């Protein structure tokens, strides 16, 4: 059986629901602080629907590999979803937002409307202060996908909407400008299967 990579968007916490740009993870941050009661409730429902299906997909007696973004919210989501041993991977990190990290979308709409508009339209636009463009994210996600071995052992990765958009466009061979047309909801699941022609995007069903 070919390798399948299951990408899971982390839960939404209060900061995300308020439209705040996430901060870059730092060593020693507390993963559990990334969750609130509403997120935990959503994760409990997700675990009931998905955990047995994904964790039980053994191949040749081996369980799937569980990975996670370094971000606290992604690591906490993986833990609460039943994948406590998930290994952090830098390639699965959220977009680096530079000087925008920790700011709210509503505030940036007043402070820097032109830059914010460019960020929503142009995949090559980088937020000021060392931020990443969508093209940057796509380059590292694409490079990571090409390192995933075709061992037939599935991979489960808790990550971010930007990473999932990049992975989907890579699988489709579609231009990066399509990033704005892909909506990724919290705790949504996307499956990519390796084929002899590359990666194929699969519809993930409950």
N, C-alpha and C. Protein backbone atom coordinates (compact mmCIF):
# COMPACT_ATOMS: atom_id res chain seq x y z
N UNK A 1 0.85 -1.20 0.00
CA UNK A 1 0.00 0.00 0.00
C UNK A 1 0.88 1.25 0.00
N UNK A 2 0.51 2.26 -0.78
CA UNK A 2 1.30 3.49 -0.81
C UNK A 2 1.19 4.27 0.50
N UNK A 3 2.18 5.11 0.74
CA UNK A 3 2.19 5.96 1.93
C UNK A 3 1.12 7.05 1.82
N UNK A 4 0.40 7.26 2.91
CA UNK A 4 -0.56 8.36 2.99
C UNK A 4 -0.13 9.30 4.11
N UNK A 5 -0.12 10.58 3.82
CA UNK A 5 0.14 11.61 4.83
C UNK A 5 -1.19 12.26 5.19
N UNK A 6 -1.56 12.13 6.47
CA UNK A 6 -2.78 12.74 6.98
C UNK A 6 -2.40 14.05 7.66
N UNK A 7 -2.85 15.16 7.12
CA UNK A 7 -2.57 16.47 7.68
C UNK A 7 -3.79 16.95 8.47
N UNK A 8 -3.56 17.34 9.71
CA UNK A 8 -4.66 17.77 10.59
C UNK A 8 -4.40 19.21 11.02
N UNK A 9 -5.38 20.07 10.81
CA UNK A 9 -5.27 21.45 11.25
C UNK A 9 -5.54 21.53 12.75
N UNK A 10 -4.67 22.21 13.48
CA UNK A 10 -4.81 22.26 14.94
C UNK A 10 -6.11 22.92 15.36
N UNK A 11 -6.46 22.74 16.62
CA UNK A 11 -7.68 23.33 17.16
C UNK A 11 -7.56 24.85 17.21
N UNK A 12 -8.71 25.50 17.26
CA UNK A 12 -8.74 26.97 17.40
C UNK A 12 -8.82 27.33 18.87
N UNK A 13 -7.90 28.20 19.31
CA UNK A 13 -7.99 28.70 20.69
C UNK A 13 -8.51 30.14 20.66
N UNK A 14 -8.53 30.78 21.82
CA UNK A 14 -9.10 32.13 21.90
C UNK A 14 -8.33 33.11 21.03
N UNK A 15 -7.00 32.99 20.99
CA UNK A 15 -6.20 33.91 20.18
C UNK A 15 -6.54 33.79 18.71
N UNK A 16 -6.65 32.57 18.23
CA UNK A 16 -6.97 32.36 16.82
C UNK A 16 -8.37 32.86 16.50
N UNK A 17 -9.31 32.58 17.39
CA UNK A 17 -10.69 33.02 17.14
C UNK A 17 -10.82 34.54 17.15
N UNK A 18 -9.89 35.22 17.82
CA UNK A 18 -9.93 36.68 17.87
C UNK A 18 -9.22 37.32 16.68
N UNK A 19 -8.64 36.49 15.80
CA UNK A 19 -7.95 37.02 14.63
C UNK A 19 -6.55 37.51 14.91
N UNK A 20 -5.87 36.88 15.86
CA UNK A 20 -4.50 37.29 16.20
C UNK A 20 -3.48 36.45 15.44
N UNK A 21 -2.46 37.09 14.91
CA UNK A 21 -1.36 36.37 14.27
C UNK A 21 -0.57 35.63 15.34
N UNK A 22 -0.25 34.36 15.12
CA UNK A 22 0.48 33.60 16.14
C UNK A 22 1.92 34.07 16.28
N UNK A 23 2.47 33.80 17.46
CA UNK A 23 3.87 34.10 17.72
C UNK A 23 4.74 32.92 17.33
N UNK A 24 5.98 33.20 17.00
CA UNK A 24 6.94 32.15 16.69
C UNK A 24 7.23 31.35 17.95
N UNK A 25 7.19 30.01 17.89
CA UNK A 25 7.45 29.20 19.09
C UNK A 25 8.85 29.45 19.64
N UNK A 26 8.95 29.37 20.98
CA UNK A 26 10.25 29.48 21.63
C UNK A 26 10.46 28.23 22.48
N UNK A 27 11.71 27.89 22.72
CA UNK A 27 12.03 26.69 23.49
C UNK A 27 11.45 26.80 24.90
N UNK A 28 10.83 25.71 25.35
CA UNK A 28 10.31 25.66 26.71
C UNK A 28 8.90 26.19 26.87
N UNK A 29 8.24 26.63 25.78
CA UNK A 29 6.87 27.09 25.94
C UNK A 29 5.97 25.91 26.31
N UNK A 30 4.90 26.22 27.01
CA UNK A 30 4.02 25.20 27.56
C UNK A 30 2.93 24.86 26.56
N UNK A 31 2.96 23.64 26.05
CA UNK A 31 1.98 23.24 25.03
C UNK A 31 0.57 23.32 25.55
N UNK A 32 0.35 22.96 26.81
CA UNK A 32 -1.01 22.94 27.33
C UNK A 32 -1.63 24.34 27.39
N UNK A 33 -0.81 25.37 27.43
CA UNK A 33 -1.34 26.72 27.46
C UNK A 33 -1.98 27.10 26.13
N UNK A 34 -1.76 26.30 25.11
CA UNK A 34 -2.33 26.61 23.81
C UNK A 34 -3.80 26.27 23.69
N UNK A 35 -4.35 25.57 24.69
CA UNK A 35 -5.74 25.11 24.60
C UNK A 35 -6.62 25.82 25.62
N UNK A 36 -7.89 26.01 25.26
CA UNK A 36 -8.88 26.47 26.21
C UNK A 36 -10.03 25.46 26.22
N UNK A 37 -11.05 25.72 27.03
CA UNK A 37 -12.13 24.74 27.20
C UNK A 37 -12.84 24.44 25.88
N UNK A 38 -13.04 25.47 25.08
CA UNK A 38 -13.73 25.28 23.80
C UNK A 38 -12.90 24.41 22.86
N UNK A 39 -11.59 24.63 22.85
CA UNK A 39 -10.71 23.82 22.01
C UNK A 39 -10.69 22.37 22.49
N UNK A 40 -10.64 22.18 23.79
CA UNK A 40 -10.62 20.82 24.34
C UNK A 40 -11.90 20.06 24.00
N UNK A 41 -13.02 20.76 24.03
CA UNK A 41 -14.30 20.12 23.66
C UNK A 41 -14.28 19.68 22.19
N UNK A 42 -13.77 20.56 21.33
CA UNK A 42 -13.69 20.22 19.91
C UNK A 42 -12.74 19.05 19.68
N UNK A 43 -11.64 19.03 20.41
CA UNK A 43 -10.66 17.95 20.26
C UNK A 43 -11.22 16.61 20.75
N UNK A 44 -12.02 16.65 21.80
CA UNK A 44 -12.63 15.42 22.28
C UNK A 44 -13.55 14.82 21.22
N UNK A 45 -14.31 15.68 20.55
CA UNK A 45 -15.19 15.20 19.47
C UNK A 45 -14.37 14.69 18.29
N UNK A 46 -13.28 15.38 17.96
CA UNK A 46 -12.41 14.92 16.87
C UNK A 46 -11.81 13.56 17.19
N UNK A 47 -11.35 13.41 18.41
CA UNK A 47 -10.73 12.14 18.81
C UNK A 47 -11.70 10.98 18.67
N UNK A 48 -12.95 11.23 19.04
CA UNK A 48 -13.96 10.17 18.94
C UNK A 48 -14.18 9.76 17.49
N UNK A 49 -14.10 10.71 16.56
CA UNK A 49 -14.35 10.42 15.14
C UNK A 49 -13.14 9.83 14.44
N UNK A 50 -11.94 10.33 14.80
CA UNK A 50 -10.77 10.06 13.96
C UNK A 50 -9.67 9.21 14.57
N UNK A 51 -9.51 9.22 15.89
CA UNK A 51 -8.31 8.61 16.47
C UNK A 51 -8.16 7.14 16.11
N UNK A 52 -9.21 6.37 16.32
CA UNK A 52 -9.10 4.93 16.06
C UNK A 52 -8.77 4.67 14.59
N UNK A 53 -9.35 5.46 13.70
CA UNK A 53 -9.11 5.26 12.27
C UNK A 53 -7.65 5.53 11.91
N UNK A 54 -7.09 6.63 12.43
CA UNK A 54 -5.74 6.99 12.05
C UNK A 54 -4.68 6.22 12.84
N UNK A 55 -4.85 6.13 14.14
CA UNK A 55 -3.86 5.45 14.97
C UNK A 55 -3.83 3.95 14.71
N UNK A 56 -4.96 3.41 14.26
CA UNK A 56 -5.04 1.96 14.06
C UNK A 56 -4.64 1.51 12.68
N UNK A 57 -4.17 2.43 11.85
CA UNK A 57 -3.80 2.08 10.47
C UNK A 57 -2.39 1.49 10.43
N UNK A 58 -2.20 0.33 11.06
CA UNK A 58 -0.87 -0.29 11.11
C UNK A 58 -0.53 -0.94 9.78
N UNK A 59 0.75 -0.89 9.44
CA UNK A 59 1.27 -1.57 8.25
C UNK A 59 2.43 -2.45 8.68
N UNK A 60 2.34 -3.72 8.40
CA UNK A 60 3.39 -4.66 8.79
C UNK A 60 3.72 -4.58 10.28
N UNK A 61 2.66 -4.41 11.07
CA UNK A 61 2.84 -4.37 12.52
C UNK A 61 3.34 -3.06 13.08
N UNK A 62 3.51 -2.04 12.23
CA UNK A 62 4.00 -0.74 12.69
C UNK A 62 2.88 0.29 12.67
N UNK A 63 2.80 1.08 13.73
CA UNK A 63 1.81 2.14 13.80
C UNK A 63 2.25 3.33 12.95
N UNK A 64 1.32 4.16 12.52
CA UNK A 64 1.70 5.35 11.75
C UNK A 64 2.61 6.27 12.56
N UNK A 65 3.44 7.03 11.86
CA UNK A 65 4.29 8.02 12.52
C UNK A 65 3.48 9.28 12.79
N UNK A 66 3.57 9.80 14.01
CA UNK A 66 2.86 11.01 14.39
C UNK A 66 3.85 12.16 14.49
N UNK A 67 3.57 13.24 13.77
CA UNK A 67 4.42 14.43 13.76
C UNK A 67 3.58 15.65 14.14
N UNK A 68 4.25 16.74 14.47
CA UNK A 68 3.53 17.96 14.80
C UNK A 68 4.39 19.18 14.48
N UNK A 69 3.73 20.28 14.26
CA UNK A 69 4.41 21.57 14.19
C UNK A 69 5.05 21.86 15.55
N UNK A 70 6.10 22.68 15.59
CA UNK A 70 6.68 23.06 16.89
C UNK A 70 5.77 23.96 17.72
N UNK A 71 4.73 24.54 17.13
CA UNK A 71 3.88 25.48 17.85
C UNK A 71 3.14 24.82 19.00
N UNK A 72 2.98 25.54 20.11
CA UNK A 72 2.32 24.99 21.29
C UNK A 72 0.91 24.50 20.98
N UNK A 73 0.16 25.27 20.18
CA UNK A 73 -1.22 24.89 19.89
C UNK A 73 -1.28 23.60 19.09
N UNK A 74 -0.33 23.38 18.21
CA UNK A 74 -0.31 22.15 17.42
C UNK A 74 0.11 20.96 18.28
N UNK A 75 1.13 21.15 19.12
CA UNK A 75 1.58 20.07 20.00
C UNK A 75 0.50 19.69 21.00
N UNK A 76 -0.19 20.70 21.54
CA UNK A 76 -1.27 20.43 22.48
C UNK A 76 -2.43 19.73 21.79
N UNK A 77 -2.72 20.12 20.56
CA UNK A 77 -3.80 19.48 19.80
C UNK A 77 -3.47 18.01 19.55
N UNK A 78 -2.23 17.72 19.17
CA UNK A 78 -1.82 16.34 18.94
C UNK A 78 -1.97 15.52 20.21
N UNK A 79 -1.55 16.07 21.34
CA UNK A 79 -1.63 15.37 22.62
C UNK A 79 -3.08 15.08 22.98
N UNK A 80 -3.94 16.11 22.90
CA UNK A 80 -5.34 15.93 23.28
C UNK A 80 -6.08 15.01 22.32
N UNK A 81 -5.60 14.93 21.08
CA UNK A 81 -6.24 14.07 20.08
C UNK A 81 -5.79 12.61 20.20
N UNK A 82 -4.87 12.34 21.14
CA UNK A 82 -4.44 10.96 21.37
C UNK A 82 -3.10 10.61 20.78
N UNK A 83 -2.34 11.62 20.33
CA UNK A 83 -1.02 11.38 19.74
C UNK A 83 0.04 12.08 20.58
N UNK A 84 0.15 11.64 21.83
CA UNK A 84 1.05 12.29 22.78
C UNK A 84 2.51 12.19 22.38
N UNK A 85 2.87 11.19 21.62
CA UNK A 85 4.26 11.01 21.24
C UNK A 85 4.65 11.67 19.93
N UNK A 86 3.81 12.57 19.42
CA UNK A 86 4.10 13.21 18.13
C UNK A 86 5.42 13.98 18.19
N UNK A 87 6.21 13.85 17.15
CA UNK A 87 7.54 14.48 17.08
C UNK A 87 7.46 15.82 16.35
N UNK A 88 7.96 16.90 16.93
CA UNK A 88 7.95 18.20 16.24
C UNK A 88 8.85 18.19 15.00
N UNK A 89 8.39 18.86 13.95
CA UNK A 89 9.15 19.03 12.72
C UNK A 89 9.07 20.49 12.29
N UNK A 90 10.22 21.11 12.09
CA UNK A 90 10.24 22.52 11.69
C UNK A 90 9.53 22.75 10.36
N UNK A 91 9.57 21.76 9.46
CA UNK A 91 8.93 21.92 8.16
C UNK A 91 7.43 22.10 8.27
N UNK A 92 6.84 21.67 9.39
CA UNK A 92 5.40 21.76 9.60
C UNK A 92 4.99 23.03 10.34
N UNK A 93 5.95 23.92 10.60
CA UNK A 93 5.68 25.15 11.34
C UNK A 93 4.74 26.07 10.58
N UNK A 94 4.05 26.89 11.34
CA UNK A 94 3.19 27.91 10.74
C UNK A 94 4.04 28.95 10.02
N UNK A 95 3.42 29.76 9.21
CA UNK A 95 4.10 30.89 8.58
C UNK A 95 4.75 31.76 9.65
N UNK A 96 5.96 32.21 9.40
CA UNK A 96 6.60 33.19 10.27
C UNK A 96 6.07 34.57 9.89
N UNK A 97 5.47 35.27 10.85
CA UNK A 97 4.80 36.52 10.53
C UNK A 97 5.63 37.76 10.84
N UNK A 98 6.88 37.59 11.24
CA UNK A 98 7.75 38.74 11.45
C UNK A 98 7.17 39.73 12.44
N UNK A 99 7.15 41.00 12.04
CA UNK A 99 6.67 42.06 12.94
C UNK A 99 5.17 41.98 13.20
N UNK A 100 4.48 41.15 12.45
CA UNK A 100 3.03 41.03 12.65
C UNK A 100 2.65 40.03 13.74
N UNK A 101 3.59 39.22 14.21
CA UNK A 101 3.22 38.21 15.19
C UNK A 101 2.66 38.86 16.46
N UNK A 102 1.59 38.27 16.96
CA UNK A 102 0.94 38.79 18.15
C UNK A 102 -0.01 39.93 17.90
N UNK A 103 -0.09 40.41 16.66
CA UNK A 103 -1.02 41.50 16.34
C UNK A 103 -2.34 40.94 15.83
N UNK A 104 -3.38 41.77 15.91
CA UNK A 104 -4.70 41.36 15.44
C UNK A 104 -4.93 41.87 14.01
N UNK A 105 -5.64 41.03 13.25
CA UNK A 105 -5.97 41.42 11.88
C UNK A 105 -6.68 42.77 11.84
N UNK A 106 -7.62 42.97 12.77
CA UNK A 106 -8.39 44.21 12.78
C UNK A 106 -7.50 45.43 12.98
N UNK A 107 -6.46 45.27 13.82
CA UNK A 107 -5.55 46.40 14.06
C UNK A 107 -4.69 46.67 12.83
N UNK A 108 -4.20 45.61 12.19
CA UNK A 108 -3.38 45.79 10.99
C UNK A 108 -4.19 46.40 9.84
N UNK A 109 -5.48 46.11 9.81
CA UNK A 109 -6.33 46.68 8.77
C UNK A 109 -6.35 48.21 8.87
N UNK A 110 -6.14 48.74 10.07
CA UNK A 110 -6.08 50.20 10.25
C UNK A 110 -4.65 50.72 10.10
N UNK A 111 -3.67 49.94 10.63
CA UNK A 111 -2.29 50.42 10.65
C UNK A 111 -1.58 50.26 9.30
N UNK A 112 -1.84 49.17 8.61
CA UNK A 112 -1.12 48.88 7.36
C UNK A 112 -2.05 48.22 6.36
N UNK A 113 -3.10 48.92 5.92
CA UNK A 113 -4.10 48.29 5.05
C UNK A 113 -3.54 47.80 3.72
N UNK A 114 -2.60 48.55 3.13
CA UNK A 114 -2.06 48.15 1.83
C UNK A 114 -1.22 46.87 1.97
N UNK A 115 -0.41 46.81 3.01
CA UNK A 115 0.41 45.61 3.23
C UNK A 115 -0.46 44.40 3.53
N UNK A 116 -1.49 44.60 4.33
CA UNK A 116 -2.38 43.49 4.65
C UNK A 116 -3.11 43.00 3.40
N UNK A 117 -3.54 43.93 2.56
CA UNK A 117 -4.20 43.55 1.32
C UNK A 117 -3.25 42.77 0.41
N UNK A 118 -1.99 43.20 0.35
CA UNK A 118 -1.00 42.49 -0.47
C UNK A 118 -0.79 41.08 0.06
N UNK A 119 -0.77 40.93 1.38
CA UNK A 119 -0.58 39.60 1.99
C UNK A 119 -1.71 38.65 1.62
N UNK A 120 -2.93 39.16 1.50
CA UNK A 120 -4.06 38.30 1.16
C UNK A 120 -4.12 37.94 -0.31
N UNK A 121 -3.38 38.67 -1.17
CA UNK A 121 -3.47 38.44 -2.62
C UNK A 121 -2.22 37.85 -3.24
N UNK A 122 -1.07 38.24 -2.72
CA UNK A 122 0.20 37.94 -3.39
C UNK A 122 0.96 36.83 -2.64
N UNK A 123 1.13 35.66 -3.23
CA UNK A 123 1.83 34.57 -2.54
C UNK A 123 3.31 34.85 -2.30
N UNK A 124 3.86 35.88 -2.96
CA UNK A 124 5.27 36.23 -2.78
C UNK A 124 5.47 37.32 -1.72
N UNK A 125 4.39 37.87 -1.18
CA UNK A 125 4.51 38.97 -0.21
C UNK A 125 4.99 38.44 1.13
N UNK A 126 6.00 39.13 1.69
CA UNK A 126 6.52 38.78 3.01
C UNK A 126 6.15 39.86 4.02
N UNK A 127 5.55 39.49 5.16
CA UNK A 127 5.32 40.49 6.21
C UNK A 127 6.63 41.12 6.65
N UNK A 128 6.60 42.37 7.05
CA UNK A 128 7.85 43.05 7.45
C UNK A 128 8.48 42.39 8.67
N UNK A 129 9.77 42.63 8.83
CA UNK A 129 10.46 42.11 10.01
C UNK A 129 10.84 40.65 9.91
N UNK A 130 11.10 40.17 8.69
CA UNK A 130 11.55 38.80 8.55
C UNK A 130 10.46 37.77 8.40
N UNK A 131 9.28 38.18 7.98
CA UNK A 131 8.19 37.23 7.79
C UNK A 131 8.36 36.37 6.56
N UNK A 132 7.58 35.29 6.49
CA UNK A 132 7.61 34.38 5.34
C UNK A 132 6.45 34.67 4.40
N UNK A 133 6.70 34.51 3.12
CA UNK A 133 5.61 34.55 2.14
C UNK A 133 4.99 33.16 2.03
N UNK A 134 3.84 33.08 1.37
CA UNK A 134 3.27 31.76 1.12
C UNK A 134 4.20 30.93 0.24
N UNK A 135 4.85 31.57 -0.71
CA UNK A 135 5.82 30.86 -1.55
C UNK A 135 6.92 30.23 -0.71
N UNK A 136 7.37 30.94 0.34
CA UNK A 136 8.39 30.39 1.23
C UNK A 136 7.87 29.15 1.95
N UNK A 137 6.64 29.25 2.45
CA UNK A 137 6.04 28.11 3.15
C UNK A 137 5.89 26.93 2.19
N UNK A 138 5.43 27.22 0.98
CA UNK A 138 5.24 26.14 0.02
C UNK A 138 6.57 25.46 -0.30
N UNK A 139 7.65 26.22 -0.41
CA UNK A 139 8.95 25.64 -0.74
C UNK A 139 9.39 24.65 0.34
N UNK A 140 9.24 25.02 1.61
CA UNK A 140 9.70 24.10 2.66
C UNK A 140 8.76 22.91 2.84
N UNK A 141 7.45 23.12 2.64
CA UNK A 141 6.52 22.01 2.76
C UNK A 141 6.72 21.02 1.60
N UNK A 142 6.92 21.56 0.40
CA UNK A 142 7.17 20.69 -0.76
C UNK A 142 8.44 19.88 -0.57
N UNK A 143 9.49 20.53 -0.05
CA UNK A 143 10.75 19.83 0.18
C UNK A 143 10.56 18.73 1.22
N UNK A 144 9.77 19.01 2.26
CA UNK A 144 9.51 17.98 3.28
C UNK A 144 8.75 16.80 2.70
N UNK A 145 7.72 17.06 1.91
CA UNK A 145 6.94 15.97 1.32
C UNK A 145 7.82 15.05 0.49
N UNK A 146 8.80 15.61 -0.18
CA UNK A 146 9.66 14.78 -1.01
C UNK A 146 10.64 13.94 -0.19
N UNK A 147 10.74 14.23 1.12
CA UNK A 147 11.58 13.40 1.98
C UNK A 147 10.79 12.27 2.64
N UNK A 148 9.47 12.31 2.54
CA UNK A 148 8.64 11.26 3.15
C UNK A 148 8.85 9.97 2.35
N UNK A 149 9.31 8.95 3.02
CA UNK A 149 9.64 7.70 2.32
C UNK A 149 8.39 6.98 1.85
N UNK A 150 8.53 6.25 0.76
CA UNK A 150 7.42 5.46 0.23
C UNK A 150 7.45 4.06 0.85
N UNK A 151 7.38 4.05 2.19
CA UNK A 151 7.50 2.79 2.93
C UNK A 151 6.15 2.10 3.11
N UNK A 152 5.08 2.83 2.77
CA UNK A 152 3.74 2.31 3.05
C UNK A 152 3.27 2.61 4.45
N UNK A 153 4.15 3.21 5.27
CA UNK A 153 3.80 3.57 6.64
C UNK A 153 3.18 4.97 6.64
N UNK A 154 1.95 5.08 7.12
CA UNK A 154 1.26 6.36 7.10
C UNK A 154 1.90 7.36 8.05
N UNK A 155 1.66 8.65 7.77
CA UNK A 155 2.15 9.74 8.60
C UNK A 155 0.96 10.60 9.00
N UNK A 156 0.88 10.95 10.28
CA UNK A 156 -0.16 11.84 10.79
C UNK A 156 0.53 13.09 11.30
N UNK A 157 0.18 14.25 10.76
CA UNK A 157 0.88 15.48 11.11
C UNK A 157 -0.10 16.57 11.52
N UNK A 158 0.05 17.06 12.76
CA UNK A 158 -0.77 18.18 13.25
C UNK A 158 -0.05 19.48 12.92
N UNK A 159 -0.72 20.31 12.14
CA UNK A 159 -0.03 21.48 11.60
C UNK A 159 -1.00 22.65 11.44
N UNK A 160 -0.77 23.49 10.45
CA UNK A 160 -1.49 24.75 10.30
C UNK A 160 -2.12 24.86 8.92
N UNK A 161 -3.08 25.78 8.81
CA UNK A 161 -3.80 25.95 7.54
C UNK A 161 -2.86 26.30 6.40
N UNK A 162 -1.87 27.16 6.65
CA UNK A 162 -0.95 27.55 5.57
C UNK A 162 -0.16 26.36 5.06
N UNK A 163 0.26 25.49 5.96
CA UNK A 163 1.01 24.29 5.57
C UNK A 163 0.13 23.36 4.75
N UNK A 164 -1.13 23.20 5.16
CA UNK A 164 -2.04 22.32 4.44
C UNK A 164 -2.36 22.87 3.06
N UNK A 165 -2.53 24.18 2.95
CA UNK A 165 -2.74 24.78 1.61
C UNK A 165 -1.54 24.51 0.71
N UNK A 166 -0.35 24.70 1.27
CA UNK A 166 0.87 24.48 0.49
C UNK A 166 0.97 23.03 0.03
N UNK A 167 0.64 22.09 0.91
CA UNK A 167 0.71 20.67 0.56
C UNK A 167 -0.28 20.30 -0.53
N UNK A 168 -1.48 20.85 -0.43
CA UNK A 168 -2.51 20.56 -1.44
C UNK A 168 -2.08 21.09 -2.81
N UNK A 169 -1.59 22.33 -2.86
CA UNK A 169 -1.17 22.91 -4.13
C UNK A 169 0.03 22.17 -4.71
N UNK A 170 0.92 21.70 -3.84
CA UNK A 170 2.05 20.90 -4.31
C UNK A 170 1.56 19.61 -4.95
N UNK A 171 0.63 18.93 -4.28
CA UNK A 171 0.10 17.67 -4.82
C UNK A 171 -0.58 17.89 -6.16
N UNK A 172 -1.28 19.01 -6.30
CA UNK A 172 -2.01 19.30 -7.53
C UNK A 172 -1.12 19.88 -8.63
N UNK A 173 0.09 20.32 -8.25
CA UNK A 173 0.93 21.02 -9.22
C UNK A 173 0.31 22.33 -9.65
N UNK A 174 -0.45 22.95 -8.74
CA UNK A 174 -1.19 24.17 -9.06
C UNK A 174 -0.37 25.40 -8.66
N UNK A 175 -0.62 26.55 -9.28
CA UNK A 175 0.13 27.76 -8.93
C UNK A 175 -0.18 28.23 -7.51
N UNK A 176 0.78 28.89 -6.91
CA UNK A 176 0.62 29.36 -5.53
C UNK A 176 -0.49 30.38 -5.38
N UNK A 177 -0.87 31.04 -6.47
CA UNK A 177 -1.95 32.03 -6.39
C UNK A 177 -3.26 31.41 -5.94
N UNK A 178 -3.36 30.08 -6.01
CA UNK A 178 -4.59 29.41 -5.57
C UNK A 178 -4.73 29.31 -4.07
N UNK A 179 -3.73 29.79 -3.32
CA UNK A 179 -3.79 29.64 -1.86
C UNK A 179 -5.00 30.33 -1.26
N UNK A 180 -5.42 31.43 -1.85
CA UNK A 180 -6.54 32.17 -1.27
C UNK A 180 -7.89 31.51 -1.54
N UNK A 181 -7.91 30.48 -2.38
CA UNK A 181 -9.16 29.80 -2.71
C UNK A 181 -9.36 28.51 -1.91
N UNK A 182 -8.43 28.20 -1.00
CA UNK A 182 -8.53 26.99 -0.20
C UNK A 182 -8.80 27.37 1.25
N UNK A 183 -9.94 26.93 1.76
CA UNK A 183 -10.29 27.20 3.16
C UNK A 183 -10.01 25.96 3.99
N UNK A 184 -9.32 26.15 5.10
CA UNK A 184 -8.97 25.05 6.01
C UNK A 184 -9.57 25.38 7.38
N UNK A 185 -10.53 24.61 7.81
CA UNK A 185 -11.16 24.84 9.11
C UNK A 185 -10.33 24.18 10.22
N UNK A 186 -10.43 24.68 11.45
CA UNK A 186 -9.74 24.02 12.56
C UNK A 186 -10.15 22.55 12.67
N UNK A 187 -9.17 21.69 12.90
CA UNK A 187 -9.34 20.25 13.06
C UNK A 187 -9.85 19.55 11.80
N UNK A 188 -9.71 20.20 10.65
CA UNK A 188 -10.03 19.51 9.40
C UNK A 188 -8.88 18.58 9.04
N UNK A 189 -9.19 17.57 8.22
CA UNK A 189 -8.23 16.54 7.86
C UNK A 189 -8.07 16.50 6.34
N UNK A 190 -6.84 16.50 5.89
CA UNK A 190 -6.52 16.38 4.46
C UNK A 190 -5.58 15.19 4.28
N UNK A 191 -5.83 14.39 3.26
CA UNK A 191 -4.99 13.22 3.00
C UNK A 191 -4.27 13.36 1.67
N UNK A 192 -2.98 13.09 1.68
CA UNK A 192 -2.18 13.04 0.46
C UNK A 192 -1.60 11.64 0.35
N UNK A 193 -1.75 11.05 -0.83
CA UNK A 193 -1.23 9.70 -1.05
C UNK A 193 -0.15 9.73 -2.11
N UNK A 194 0.98 9.07 -1.79
CA UNK A 194 2.07 9.01 -2.76
C UNK A 194 1.73 7.99 -3.85
N UNK A 195 1.90 8.40 -5.09
CA UNK A 195 1.68 7.51 -6.22
C UNK A 195 2.95 7.48 -7.07
N UNK A 196 2.94 6.68 -8.12
CA UNK A 196 4.12 6.62 -8.99
C UNK A 196 4.33 7.93 -9.75
N UNK A 197 3.30 8.78 -9.77
CA UNK A 197 3.40 10.06 -10.48
C UNK A 197 3.61 11.23 -9.51
N UNK A 198 3.76 10.94 -8.23
CA UNK A 198 3.91 12.01 -7.25
C UNK A 198 2.84 11.91 -6.19
N UNK A 199 2.44 13.04 -5.67
CA UNK A 199 1.43 13.06 -4.61
C UNK A 199 0.05 13.33 -5.19
N UNK A 200 -0.96 12.65 -4.63
CA UNK A 200 -2.35 12.86 -5.03
C UNK A 200 -3.15 13.32 -3.81
N UNK A 201 -3.99 14.30 -4.01
CA UNK A 201 -4.85 14.81 -2.93
C UNK A 201 -6.09 13.93 -2.84
N UNK A 202 -6.35 13.38 -1.67
CA UNK A 202 -7.52 12.53 -1.45
C UNK A 202 -8.54 13.25 -0.59
N UNK A 203 -9.80 13.06 -0.88
CA UNK A 203 -10.86 13.56 -0.01
C UNK A 203 -10.85 12.72 1.26
N UNK A 204 -10.80 13.37 2.42
CA UNK A 204 -10.82 12.65 3.70
C UNK A 204 -12.23 12.63 4.22
N UNK A 205 -12.76 11.42 4.47
CA UNK A 205 -14.13 11.28 4.95
C UNK A 205 -14.13 10.70 6.35
N UNK A 206 -15.15 11.09 7.14
CA UNK A 206 -15.31 10.52 8.48
C UNK A 206 -15.52 9.02 8.37
